[in-house]
Protein backbone atom coordinates (compact mmCIF):
# COMPACT_ATOMS: atom_id res chain seq x y z
CA MET A 1 -122.63 -21.53 117.21
CA SER A 2 -119.31 -19.97 116.31
CA ARG A 3 -117.96 -16.77 117.81
CA VAL A 4 -118.87 -14.41 114.96
CA CYS A 5 -120.70 -11.09 115.20
CA GLN A 6 -123.91 -11.24 113.18
CA ILE A 7 -123.71 -7.55 112.30
CA THR A 8 -120.04 -6.75 111.63
CA GLY A 9 -118.74 -10.24 110.84
CA LYS A 10 -115.93 -9.95 113.39
CA LYS A 11 -114.47 -13.32 114.38
CA ALA A 12 -111.54 -14.71 116.35
CA MET A 13 -108.07 -14.02 115.02
CA VAL A 14 -104.72 -15.61 115.87
CA GLY A 15 -101.62 -13.86 117.15
CA ASN A 16 -98.69 -14.33 119.48
CA ASN A 17 -98.07 -13.98 123.19
CA VAL A 18 -94.62 -12.42 123.44
CA SER A 19 -92.72 -12.93 126.69
CA HIS A 20 -90.07 -10.65 128.16
CA SER A 21 -87.41 -12.92 126.62
CA ASN A 22 -89.16 -12.56 123.23
CA ILE A 23 -90.42 -16.18 123.13
CA LYS A 24 -93.60 -16.34 121.04
CA THR A 25 -96.51 -18.70 121.67
CA LYS A 26 -99.82 -18.75 119.80
CA ARG A 27 -102.95 -17.17 121.29
CA VAL A 28 -106.45 -16.27 120.14
CA PHE A 29 -107.97 -12.78 120.13
CA LYS A 30 -111.74 -13.25 120.60
CA PRO A 31 -114.28 -10.55 119.70
CA ASN A 32 -116.31 -8.84 122.43
CA LEU A 33 -119.60 -10.65 121.74
CA HIS A 34 -122.91 -10.36 123.61
CA THR A 35 -126.23 -12.11 123.02
CA LYS A 36 -128.82 -9.33 123.06
CA LYS A 37 -132.52 -8.91 122.32
CA PHE A 38 -133.42 -5.91 120.17
CA PHE A 39 -136.92 -4.61 119.49
CA VAL A 40 -137.51 -3.79 115.82
CA PRO A 41 -140.41 -1.31 115.58
CA GLU A 42 -140.66 -1.69 111.78
CA ILE A 43 -141.79 -5.32 112.12
CA GLY A 44 -143.04 -5.10 115.72
CA GLU A 45 -140.96 -8.04 116.96
CA TRP A 46 -138.00 -8.81 119.20
CA VAL A 47 -134.86 -10.14 117.50
CA VAL A 48 -132.08 -12.03 119.31
CA LEU A 49 -128.61 -11.38 117.87
CA LYS A 50 -125.06 -12.22 118.86
CA VAL A 51 -123.33 -8.86 118.36
CA SER A 52 -120.00 -7.26 119.20
CA ALA A 53 -119.67 -3.96 121.06
CA LYS A 54 -119.00 -2.21 117.74
CA GLY A 55 -122.14 -3.80 116.28
CA MET A 56 -124.22 -2.42 119.16
CA ARG A 57 -122.76 1.05 118.55
CA GLU A 58 -123.70 0.80 114.87
CA MET A 59 -127.25 -0.21 115.83
CA SER A 60 -127.67 2.70 118.22
CA LYS A 61 -126.32 5.11 115.59
CA ASN A 62 -128.10 3.86 112.45
CA GLY A 63 -131.12 2.04 113.91
CA VAL A 64 -131.67 -1.65 114.43
CA TRP A 65 -133.62 -2.37 111.25
CA ASN A 66 -131.27 -0.44 108.93
CA THR A 67 -128.24 -2.17 110.43
CA ILE A 68 -129.82 -5.62 110.06
CA LEU A 69 -130.66 -4.90 106.42
CA LYS A 70 -127.11 -3.70 105.75
CA ALA A 71 -125.62 -6.84 107.40
CA ASP A 72 -127.94 -9.06 105.34
CA LYS A 73 -126.96 -7.25 102.13
CA LYS A 74 -123.27 -7.67 103.05
CA GLY A 75 -123.86 -11.41 103.59
CA VAL A 76 -122.90 -11.51 107.27
CA LEU A 77 -126.35 -12.14 108.76
């Protein structure tokens, strides 16, 4: 499975390492992903998601079920 957050859609992006002498080499910025189990009281089941730290903050703020529905509507999930 690729390194993509199932809630926010964050994925790896490419940038440069820049040395002291200003030599640039390619590098990858990976999202802060965690595989977590969330209990959804609306359906009474546990759901396993690969989410970023920002995705977990959104879930704690808006609720797990509302966030999952919003991600599905956005086409990320």
